[in-house]
Amino acid sequence: MKIGLLVGSLRKESFNKKIAEVAKKVINQGNQAEIIDISYLPFYNQDDDGAKPREEYVKIREELKKYDAYIFFTPEYNRSLAPSLKNVIDIGSRDPKGNLWDGKPAAVFSASMGQSGGTMGNHALRQSFIYVNLITMNQPEVYIPAVHTLFDKDGNLVKGTKTFVEDSSKAFVDFAKKHS
């Protein structure tokens, strides 16, 4: 199984990217996971699509087609999801051959510096999943609050949180295998 990891925070030192790296390591023990770069994507504009789509749209669509399932890692921006994730969902849903997300397993892992763990961003992202027909893992729910406090002096995720992310990633692999 090949799982694409999409990280909504584009910051160089993104906490969500660090969480995705933990998930990637555990998934790569028997399956394949890669972080998909979405940092170069312009906002979707239907005027830039169609017969001669933007090069960036073609590139990300070809990349997305390589995966059997996806985990989205989102911070919470102003009580909602990261715009970069909504953007890639929109681009993938408008492929000339049809919605690339249709029927694929997906999960949302959210982490934020606030006490809600990105709950609002997590749920806002799930709303988009309904329309594009991503099959969402409901349990375990992954909300990581105060993420900035969960790394040791060497930059490693603390044990309890690391175990939670690893176990949640394994649960997603099982879910994805059942639903792909």
Protein backbone atom coordinates (compact mmCIF):
# COMPACT_ATOMS: atom_id res chain seq x y z
CA MET A 1 0.00 0.00 0.00
CA LYS A 2 1.26 3.46 -0.93
CA ILE A 3 0.08 6.30 1.30
CA GLY A 4 0.44 9.98 0.47
CA LEU A 5 1.00 12.38 3.34
CA LEU A 6 -0.22 15.94 2.77
CA VAL A 7 0.93 18.62 5.22
CA GLY A 8 -1.06 21.85 5.41
CA SER A 9 1.52 23.96 7.20
CA LEU A 10 4.14 25.13 4.71
CA ARG A 11 6.53 26.49 7.37
CA LYS A 12 10.06 25.14 7.29
CA GLU A 13 9.82 24.00 10.93
CA SER A 14 6.17 22.92 10.75
CA PHE A 15 5.01 20.90 13.73
CA ASN A 16 2.54 19.08 11.49
CA LYS A 17 5.38 18.10 9.16
CA LYS A 18 7.28 16.70 12.14
CA ILE A 19 4.21 14.66 13.07
CA ALA A 20 3.98 13.47 9.44
CA GLU A 21 7.62 12.33 9.59
CA VAL A 22 6.78 10.11 12.59
CA ALA A 23 3.82 8.64 10.70
CA LYS A 24 5.98 8.11 7.63
CA LYS A 25 8.54 6.08 9.57
CA VAL A 26 5.97 3.71 11.04
CA ILE A 27 4.04 3.30 7.77
CA ASN A 28 7.26 2.55 5.92
CA GLN A 29 7.62 -0.59 8.04
CA GLY A 30 5.80 -2.82 5.58
CA ASN A 31 4.12 -0.22 3.36
CA GLN A 32 5.19 2.94 1.61
CA ALA A 33 4.55 6.52 2.65
CA GLU A 34 5.80 9.78 1.19
CA ILE A 35 5.19 13.41 2.00
CA ILE A 36 3.69 15.07 -1.07
CA ASP A 37 5.01 18.58 -1.66
CA ILE A 38 2.16 21.04 -2.14
CA SER A 39 4.10 24.20 -1.34
CA TYR A 40 4.50 25.22 -4.99
CA LEU A 41 0.81 25.14 -5.90
CA PRO A 42 -0.95 28.35 -6.90
CA PHE A 43 -4.54 28.74 -5.71
CA TYR A 44 -6.93 26.84 -7.93
CA ASN A 45 -8.50 28.94 -10.66
CA GLN A 46 -10.79 27.27 -13.19
CA ASP A 47 -9.63 29.82 -15.80
CA ASP A 48 -6.17 28.20 -15.57
CA ASP A 49 -7.52 24.69 -16.12
CA GLY A 50 -9.29 22.91 -18.96
CA ALA A 51 -7.71 22.19 -22.36
CA LYS A 52 -4.35 23.66 -21.34
CA PRO A 53 -4.11 23.37 -17.54
CA ARG A 54 -1.36 25.04 -15.54
CA GLU A 55 1.79 22.95 -15.30
CA GLU A 56 1.46 22.88 -11.51
CA TYR A 57 -2.03 21.35 -11.73
CA VAL A 58 -0.81 18.63 -14.09
CA LYS A 59 2.19 17.88 -11.86
CA ILE A 60 0.24 17.50 -8.60
CA ARG A 61 -2.50 15.45 -10.25
CA GLU A 62 0.06 13.01 -11.62
CA GLU A 63 1.63 12.79 -8.16
CA LEU A 64 -1.70 12.20 -6.40
CA LYS A 65 -2.56 9.34 -8.78
CA LYS A 66 0.37 7.32 -7.38
CA TYR A 67 -1.27 6.76 -3.98
CA ASP A 68 -3.83 4.32 -2.63
CA ALA A 69 -4.74 6.40 0.44
CA TYR A 70 -3.91 9.70 2.13
CA ILE A 71 -3.31 11.21 5.55
CA PHE A 72 -3.82 14.97 5.79
CA PHE A 73 -1.93 16.81 8.54
CA THR A 74 -3.50 20.15 9.36
CA PRO A 75 -2.88 22.96 11.78
CA GLU A 76 -5.81 25.16 12.74
CA TYR A 77 -5.84 28.57 11.07
CA ASN A 78 -8.45 30.96 12.51
CA ARG A 79 -10.74 28.07 13.53
CA SER A 80 -10.47 26.35 10.17
CA LEU A 81 -8.22 24.22 7.97
CA ALA A 82 -5.00 25.14 6.24
CA PRO A 83 -5.83 26.73 2.85
CA SER A 84 -3.09 24.71 1.14
CA LEU A 85 -4.97 21.48 1.89
CA LYS A 86 -8.30 22.80 0.60
CA ASN A 87 -6.46 23.97 -2.52
CA VAL A 88 -4.95 20.54 -3.28
CA ILE A 89 -8.34 18.92 -2.70
CA ASP A 90 -9.90 21.31 -5.23
CA ILE A 91 -7.16 20.70 -7.81
CA GLY A 92 -7.38 16.91 -7.39
CA SER A 93 -11.15 16.91 -7.68
CA ARG A 94 -11.00 18.65 -11.07
CA ASP A 95 -8.74 16.24 -12.97
CA PRO A 96 -9.85 15.92 -16.63
CA LYS A 97 -10.44 12.19 -16.09
CA GLY A 98 -12.51 12.76 -12.95
CA ASN A 99 -12.20 13.28 -9.23
CA LEU A 100 -8.88 11.75 -8.10
CA TRP A 101 -10.06 11.41 -4.51
CA ASP A 102 -13.19 9.36 -5.25
CA GLY A 103 -13.43 6.34 -2.96
CA LYS A 104 -9.91 6.63 -1.54
CA PRO A 105 -9.29 6.11 2.19
CA ALA A 106 -8.19 9.17 4.13
CA ALA A 107 -7.50 10.40 7.64
CA VAL A 108 -6.97 13.77 9.26
CA PHE A 109 -4.30 14.29 11.90
CA SER A 110 -4.35 17.79 13.40
CA ALA A 111 -1.88 19.48 15.68
CA SER A 112 -1.86 23.04 16.97
CA MET A 113 -0.27 25.16 19.64
CA GLY A 114 -3.70 25.77 21.13
CA GLN A 115 -5.55 23.56 23.57
CA SER A 116 -8.05 22.16 21.05
CA GLY A 117 -5.43 20.28 19.05
CA GLY A 118 -6.72 21.69 15.79
CA THR A 119 -10.20 20.20 16.24
CA MET A 120 -11.93 22.90 14.17
CA GLY A 121 -9.39 22.60 11.34
CA ASN A 122 -9.71 18.83 11.45
CA HIS A 123 -13.49 18.92 11.13
CA ALA A 124 -13.48 21.63 8.45
CA LEU A 125 -11.22 19.41 6.36
CA ARG A 126 -13.53 16.44 6.86
CA GLN A 127 -16.38 18.50 5.37
CA SER A 128 -14.49 18.72 2.08
CA PHE A 129 -13.90 14.96 2.20
CA ILE A 130 -17.65 14.33 2.05
CA TYR A 131 -18.12 16.06 -1.27
CA VAL A 132 -15.05 14.54 -2.99
CA ASN A 133 -15.93 11.11 -1.54
CA LEU A 134 -12.77 10.46 0.44
CA ILE A 135 -13.57 7.58 2.81
CA THR A 136 -12.64 8.96 6.22
CA MET A 137 -11.22 7.03 9.16
CA ASN A 138 -13.34 8.10 12.12
CA GLN A 139 -11.37 6.39 14.91
CA PRO A 140 -8.93 7.05 16.34
CA GLU A 141 -9.43 10.78 16.21
CA VAL A 142 -6.07 12.54 16.09
CA TYR A 143 -5.96 15.96 17.75
CA ILE A 144 -2.64 17.03 19.25
CA PRO A 145 -2.89 20.11 21.50
CA ALA A 146 0.02 22.29 22.64
CA VAL A 147 2.18 20.60 20.02
CA HIS A 148 5.03 23.07 20.55
CA THR A 149 5.56 21.58 24.04
CA LEU A 150 5.74 17.96 22.85
CA PHE A 151 9.30 17.82 21.50
CA ASP A 152 12.39 17.15 23.59
CA LYS A 153 15.58 19.23 23.47
CA ASP A 154 16.80 17.16 20.49
CA GLY A 155 13.63 17.86 18.50
CA ASN A 156 12.12 14.39 18.96
CA LEU A 157 8.45 13.90 19.72
CA VAL A 158 7.94 12.91 23.37
CA LYS A 159 7.25 9.24 23.99
CA GLY A 160 3.52 9.28 24.77
CA THR A 161 2.64 11.46 21.81
CA LYS A 162 4.99 9.56 19.52
CA THR A 163 3.32 6.28 20.51
CA PHE A 164 -0.11 7.83 19.88
CA VAL A 165 0.90 9.00 16.39
CA GLU A 166 2.49 5.63 15.59
CA ASP A 167 -0.56 3.69 16.78
CA SER A 168 -2.90 6.02 14.88
CA SER A 169 -0.81 5.59 11.73
CA LYS A 170 -0.95 1.80 12.06
CA ALA A 171 -4.71 2.02 12.57
CA PHE A 172 -4.96 4.04 9.37
CA VAL A 173 -3.00 1.45 7.39
CA ASP A 174 -5.44 -1.22 8.60
CA PHE A 175 -8.40 1.03 7.73
CA ALA A 176 -7.00 1.83 4.29
CA LYS A 177 -6.42 -1.83 3.47
CA LYS A 178 -10.05 -2.61 4.33
CA HIS A 179 -11.38 0.28 2.23
CA SER A 180 -9.23 0.29 -0.88
